[in-house]
Protein backbone atom coordinates (compact mmCIF):
# COMPACT_ATOMS: atom_id res chain seq x y z
CA UNK A 1 176.67 147.71 46.18
CA UNK A 2 177.64 148.76 49.89
CA UNK A 3 174.04 147.74 51.00
CA UNK A 4 174.73 144.28 49.30
CA UNK A 5 177.81 144.32 51.42
CA UNK A 6 176.17 144.74 54.19
CA UNK A 7 173.53 142.36 54.05
CA UNK A 8 176.45 139.73 53.56
CA UNK A 9 178.17 141.12 56.77
CA UNK A 10 174.64 140.48 58.08
CA UNK A 11 174.13 137.07 57.25
CA UNK A 12 177.90 136.02 57.48
CA UNK A 13 177.39 136.57 61.30
CA UNK A 14 174.60 133.77 61.72
CA UNK A 15 172.08 133.30 64.47
CA UNK A 16 168.14 135.37 64.91
CA UNK A 17 167.57 138.82 63.66
CA UNK A 18 166.08 138.86 67.84
CA UNK A 19 169.70 137.80 69.07
CA UNK A 20 171.39 141.31 67.92
CA UNK A 21 169.42 144.00 69.74
CA UNK A 22 166.63 143.93 71.96
CA UNK A 23 164.00 145.84 74.52
CA UNK A 24 163.85 144.07 77.61
CA UNK A 25 161.86 144.72 80.58
CA UNK A 26 163.39 144.16 84.29
CA UNK A 27 163.05 145.14 87.70
CA UNK A 28 165.16 146.90 90.18
CA UNK A 29 166.09 144.71 93.01
CA UNK A 30 168.93 146.55 94.55
CA UNK A 31 170.38 149.53 94.25
CA UNK A 32 173.92 149.74 95.99
CA UNK A 33 175.26 148.31 94.45
CA UNK A 34 173.02 148.11 90.71
CA UNK A 35 171.17 144.83 90.60
CA UNK A 36 168.13 144.51 87.76
CA UNK A 37 166.09 141.23 88.27
CA UNK A 38 165.17 139.99 84.11
CA UNK A 39 163.35 137.10 85.15
CA UNK A 40 163.11 134.25 88.25
CA UNK A 41 167.21 133.14 87.25
CA UNK A 42 168.61 136.42 85.59
CA UNK A 43 169.46 139.12 88.03
CA UNK A 44 172.06 141.42 86.06
CA UNK A 45 174.88 143.30 88.32
CA UNK A 46 175.98 147.14 87.47
CA UNK A 47 179.28 145.62 85.53
CA UNK A 48 176.76 144.72 83.03
CA UNK A 49 174.31 147.81 83.18
CA UNK A 50 174.61 151.47 81.90
CA UNK A 51 172.44 154.34 83.13
CA UNK A 52 170.09 156.54 80.36
CA UNK A 53 169.57 160.15 81.54
CA UNK A 54 166.13 159.62 82.53
CA UNK A 55 167.14 156.68 85.38
CA UNK A 56 169.64 159.34 87.06
CA UNK A 57 169.96 162.21 89.26
CA UNK A 58 170.84 165.20 86.31
CA UNK A 59 170.75 168.44 86.24
CA UNK A 60 168.42 170.79 83.45
CA UNK A 61 168.66 174.05 82.29
CA UNK A 62 164.67 175.94 82.42
CA UNK A 63 163.38 178.96 80.60
CA UNK A 64 160.18 180.50 81.85
CA UNK A 65 158.86 184.02 81.81
CA UNK A 66 157.83 185.05 85.90
CA UNK A 67 154.50 186.03 85.87
CA UNK A 68 155.15 188.92 88.22
CA UNK A 69 157.80 190.34 86.16
CA UNK A 70 155.28 192.66 83.32
CA UNK A 71 158.43 192.50 81.04
CA UNK A 72 158.83 190.14 78.66
CA UNK A 73 162.33 189.10 80.23
CA UNK A 74 162.80 184.81 80.22
CA UNK A 75 164.92 183.36 83.13
CA UNK A 76 166.89 180.35 82.62
CA UNK A 77 167.16 178.49 86.37
CA UNK A 78 168.97 174.98 86.35
CA UNK A 79 167.21 172.07 87.88
CA UNK A 80 167.77 169.14 89.80
CA UNK A 81 165.66 166.10 88.36
CA UNK A 82 165.74 163.11 90.38
CA UNK A 83 165.19 159.79 88.17
CA UNK A 84 167.16 158.04 90.59
CA UNK A 85 166.41 153.94 89.85
CA UNK A 86 164.69 152.70 93.19
CA UNK A 87 164.37 149.02 94.08
CA UNK A 88 160.94 148.07 92.58
CA UNK A 89 160.94 150.47 89.88
CA UNK A 90 160.24 148.42 86.45
CA UNK A 91 163.13 149.67 83.76
CA UNK A 92 163.17 149.45 79.82
CA UNK A 93 166.61 148.20 78.76
CA UNK A 94 167.87 147.67 75.72
CA UNK A 95 170.17 144.73 75.62
CA UNK A 96 173.18 144.90 73.24
CA UNK A 97 174.64 142.57 70.51
CA UNK A 98 175.20 139.34 72.60
CA UNK A 99 173.31 139.89 75.94
CA UNK A 100 176.70 141.34 77.16
CA UNK A 101 175.69 145.09 78.01
CA UNK A 102 172.20 146.32 79.10
CA UNK A 103 171.20 150.09 78.77
CA UNK A 104 168.72 151.50 80.70
CA UNK A 105 166.51 153.88 78.57
CA UNK A 106 163.85 154.65 81.71
CA UNK A 107 161.54 153.97 84.44
CA UNK A 108 158.38 152.23 83.99
CA UNK A 109 157.13 152.41 87.59
CA UNK A 110 156.97 150.20 90.10
CA UNK A 111 155.96 149.87 93.64
CA UNK A 112 155.31 152.73 94.33
């Protein structure tokens, strides 16, 4: 019964399934302010973009065993990972329903 209701809601909205949400690819053309080009005629500004973890500078905790230490003690350190976007980077994004916002999943490389 709940499944039928959900299907009815989806069908009542109309449109095509690829208009709801999908993956899109772009290229960073500017970082300050952030601008991502989707096609020759469409450039997104930071007002429409949310950055995921793998497109930012962030810190992670790393556990490891020191090779010079003969005991089985593990050490934990906080390491900064810089995956900030740069001009020329390719990006994979999720376009939200209606194309009004985009979530950057990760970088795909670029001009480096």
